[in-house]
Amino acid sequence: MNLESFVKGTELCVGSVIYTVDDVFYFQNNISDFSRESWEAPFMNFSKLVAGNFSSSLVNCEVFVSNF
């Protein structure tokens, strides 16, 4: 089943969700490798996760669901 050809917004929704999961694992790697010298890295990754791919996935998947 090729959803991209039938439902508008599928590619953006799936891509945003995949990038969000990638950002979560990247954030977990920074938490596990935490040191005093790079204390800002987990905060920067978390803010990028929330303000970047997670928020765009909500919008993109809403478009997908409304077109489904």
N, C-alpha and C. Protein backbone atom coordinates (compact mmCIF):
# COMPACT_ATOMS: atom_id res chain seq x y z
N MET A 1 0.85 -1.17 0.00
CA MET A 1 0.00 0.00 0.00
C MET A 1 0.90 1.23 0.00
N ASN A 2 0.73 2.06 -0.97
CA ASN A 2 1.53 3.26 -1.13
C ASN A 2 0.72 4.46 -0.69
N LEU A 3 0.84 4.83 0.60
CA LEU A 3 0.03 5.91 1.13
C LEU A 3 0.38 7.26 0.54
N GLU A 4 1.65 7.46 0.13
CA GLU A 4 2.05 8.76 -0.40
C GLU A 4 1.28 9.15 -1.66
N SER A 5 0.90 8.17 -2.43
CA SER A 5 0.17 8.51 -3.66
C SER A 5 -1.32 8.73 -3.41
N PHE A 6 -1.84 8.29 -2.28
CA PHE A 6 -3.27 8.42 -2.00
C PHE A 6 -3.61 9.54 -1.01
N VAL A 7 -2.75 9.75 -0.01
CA VAL A 7 -3.07 10.69 1.06
C VAL A 7 -2.01 11.80 1.10
N LYS A 8 -2.48 13.03 1.00
CA LYS A 8 -1.58 14.18 1.04
C LYS A 8 -1.01 14.35 2.46
N GLY A 9 0.28 14.57 2.56
CA GLY A 9 0.92 14.80 3.86
C GLY A 9 1.53 13.58 4.49
N THR A 10 1.44 12.42 3.83
CA THR A 10 1.98 11.19 4.41
C THR A 10 3.49 11.25 4.56
N GLU A 11 4.16 11.70 3.52
CA GLU A 11 5.63 11.72 3.54
C GLU A 11 6.16 12.65 4.63
N LEU A 12 5.55 13.81 4.78
CA LEU A 12 5.99 14.74 5.82
C LEU A 12 5.72 14.20 7.21
N CYS A 13 4.58 13.55 7.41
CA CYS A 13 4.23 12.99 8.71
C CYS A 13 5.21 11.88 9.10
N VAL A 14 5.43 10.96 8.22
CA VAL A 14 6.33 9.84 8.51
C VAL A 14 7.76 10.34 8.72
N GLY A 15 8.21 11.26 7.89
CA GLY A 15 9.55 11.81 8.05
C GLY A 15 9.73 12.54 9.37
N SER A 16 8.74 13.32 9.77
CA SER A 16 8.81 14.05 11.03
C SER A 16 8.85 13.11 12.23
N VAL A 17 8.07 12.06 12.18
CA VAL A 17 8.07 11.09 13.28
C VAL A 17 9.42 10.37 13.36
N ILE A 18 9.97 10.00 12.23
CA ILE A 18 11.27 9.32 12.22
C ILE A 18 12.36 10.25 12.76
N TYR A 19 12.35 11.51 12.34
CA TYR A 19 13.34 12.46 12.85
C TYR A 19 13.16 12.74 14.33
N THR A 20 11.92 12.71 14.82
CA THR A 20 11.67 12.89 16.25
C THR A 20 12.26 11.73 17.04
N VAL A 21 12.06 10.51 16.58
CA VAL A 21 12.64 9.35 17.26
C VAL A 21 14.16 9.42 17.21
N ASP A 22 14.72 9.86 16.09
CA ASP A 22 16.16 10.04 15.99
C ASP A 22 16.66 11.07 16.99
N ASP A 23 15.94 12.17 17.16
CA ASP A 23 16.33 13.18 18.13
C ASP A 23 16.25 12.66 19.56
N VAL A 24 15.26 11.80 19.85
CA VAL A 24 15.14 11.22 21.19
C VAL A 24 16.36 10.36 21.50
N PHE A 25 16.79 9.54 20.56
CA PHE A 25 17.97 8.71 20.79
C PHE A 25 19.24 9.55 20.89
N TYR A 26 19.33 10.61 20.12
CA TYR A 26 20.46 11.52 20.20
C TYR A 26 20.50 12.19 21.58
N PHE A 27 19.34 12.58 22.09
CA PHE A 27 19.24 13.16 23.42
C PHE A 27 19.65 12.15 24.49
N GLN A 28 19.23 10.91 24.37
CA GLN A 28 19.62 9.88 25.33
C GLN A 28 21.12 9.64 25.31
N ASN A 29 21.74 9.70 24.15
CA ASN A 29 23.18 9.56 24.07
C ASN A 29 23.89 10.70 24.77
N ASN A 30 23.37 11.91 24.65
CA ASN A 30 23.98 13.04 25.35
C ASN A 30 23.78 12.96 26.85
N ILE A 31 22.67 12.43 27.30
CA ILE A 31 22.44 12.24 28.73
C ILE A 31 23.41 11.20 29.29
N SER A 32 23.60 10.11 28.57
CA SER A 32 24.49 9.05 29.07
C SER A 32 25.95 9.47 29.02
N ASP A 33 26.30 10.44 28.19
CA ASP A 33 27.68 10.91 28.07
C ASP A 33 27.83 12.30 28.72
N PHE A 34 27.06 12.55 29.77
CA PHE A 34 27.04 13.86 30.41
C PHE A 34 28.35 14.14 31.15
N SER A 35 28.87 15.35 30.97
CA SER A 35 30.04 15.79 31.73
C SER A 35 29.89 17.27 32.03
N ARG A 36 30.67 17.75 32.97
CA ARG A 36 30.57 19.17 33.35
C ARG A 36 31.02 20.09 32.22
N GLU A 37 31.92 19.61 31.38
CA GLU A 37 32.41 20.45 30.29
C GLU A 37 31.36 20.67 29.21
N SER A 38 30.49 19.72 29.02
CA SER A 38 29.47 19.85 27.98
C SER A 38 28.06 19.79 28.58
N TRP A 39 27.84 20.55 29.63
CA TRP A 39 26.56 20.52 30.34
C TRP A 39 25.41 21.06 29.51
N GLU A 40 25.72 21.91 28.52
CA GLU A 40 24.65 22.53 27.74
C GLU A 40 24.12 21.61 26.63
N ALA A 41 24.85 20.59 26.27
CA ALA A 41 24.45 19.73 25.15
C ALA A 41 23.09 19.06 25.36
N PRO A 42 22.80 18.45 26.52
CA PRO A 42 21.46 17.85 26.69
C PRO A 42 20.34 18.88 26.63
N PHE A 43 20.57 20.07 27.17
CA PHE A 43 19.53 21.11 27.12
C PHE A 43 19.28 21.57 25.69
N MET A 44 20.34 21.72 24.93
CA MET A 44 20.20 22.13 23.54
C MET A 44 19.48 21.05 22.73
N ASN A 45 19.82 19.78 22.97
CA ASN A 45 19.16 18.70 22.25
C ASN A 45 17.69 18.59 22.62
N PHE A 46 17.36 18.78 23.90
CA PHE A 46 15.97 18.69 24.32
C PHE A 46 15.16 19.83 23.71
N SER A 47 15.70 21.04 23.71
CA SER A 47 14.96 22.16 23.13
C SER A 47 14.79 21.98 21.63
N LYS A 48 15.81 21.44 20.95
CA LYS A 48 15.68 21.17 19.51
C LYS A 48 14.64 20.07 19.26
N LEU A 49 14.61 19.07 20.15
CA LEU A 49 13.63 17.99 20.02
C LEU A 49 12.21 18.53 20.11
N VAL A 50 11.94 19.34 21.13
CA VAL A 50 10.59 19.83 21.36
C VAL A 50 10.19 20.89 20.32
N ALA A 51 11.07 21.84 20.08
CA ALA A 51 10.71 22.95 19.19
C ALA A 51 10.90 22.61 17.72
N GLY A 52 11.61 21.55 17.42
CA GLY A 52 11.88 21.22 16.03
C GLY A 52 10.99 20.14 15.49
N ASN A 53 11.50 18.93 15.48
CA ASN A 53 10.80 17.83 14.81
C ASN A 53 9.53 17.38 15.52
N PHE A 54 9.49 17.45 16.85
CA PHE A 54 8.27 17.02 17.54
C PHE A 54 7.10 17.94 17.21
N SER A 55 7.33 19.24 17.28
CA SER A 55 6.23 20.17 16.99
C SER A 55 5.81 20.12 15.53
N SER A 56 6.78 19.94 14.63
CA SER A 56 6.39 19.84 13.22
C SER A 56 5.69 18.52 12.92
N SER A 57 6.01 17.46 13.68
CA SER A 57 5.32 16.19 13.45
C SER A 57 3.86 16.28 13.86
N LEU A 58 3.55 17.07 14.89
CA LEU A 58 2.15 17.25 15.28
C LEU A 58 1.36 17.92 14.15
N VAL A 59 1.93 18.94 13.56
CA VAL A 59 1.25 19.66 12.48
C VAL A 59 1.15 18.78 11.23
N ASN A 60 2.26 18.15 10.87
CA ASN A 60 2.27 17.33 9.66
C ASN A 60 1.34 16.13 9.77
N CYS A 61 1.29 15.51 10.93
CA CYS A 61 0.41 14.35 11.09
C CYS A 61 -1.06 14.78 11.20
N GLU A 62 -1.31 15.99 11.67
CA GLU A 62 -2.68 16.50 11.66
C GLU A 62 -3.17 16.69 10.23
N VAL A 63 -2.31 17.19 9.36
CA VAL A 63 -2.65 17.33 7.94
C VAL A 63 -2.91 15.96 7.34
N PHE A 64 -2.07 14.99 7.67
CA PHE A 64 -2.24 13.63 7.17
C PHE A 64 -3.57 13.03 7.62
N VAL A 65 -3.88 13.17 8.91
CA VAL A 65 -5.12 12.59 9.44
C VAL A 65 -6.34 13.29 8.84
N SER A 66 -6.28 14.60 8.65
CA SER A 66 -7.43 15.30 8.09
C SER A 66 -7.64 14.93 6.62
N ASN A 67 -6.58 14.57 5.92
CA ASN A 67 -6.71 14.16 4.52
C ASN A 67 -7.00 12.68 4.37
N PHE A 68 -6.87 11.92 5.43
CA PHE A 68 -7.10 10.49 5.37
C PHE A 68 -8.57 10.25 5.34
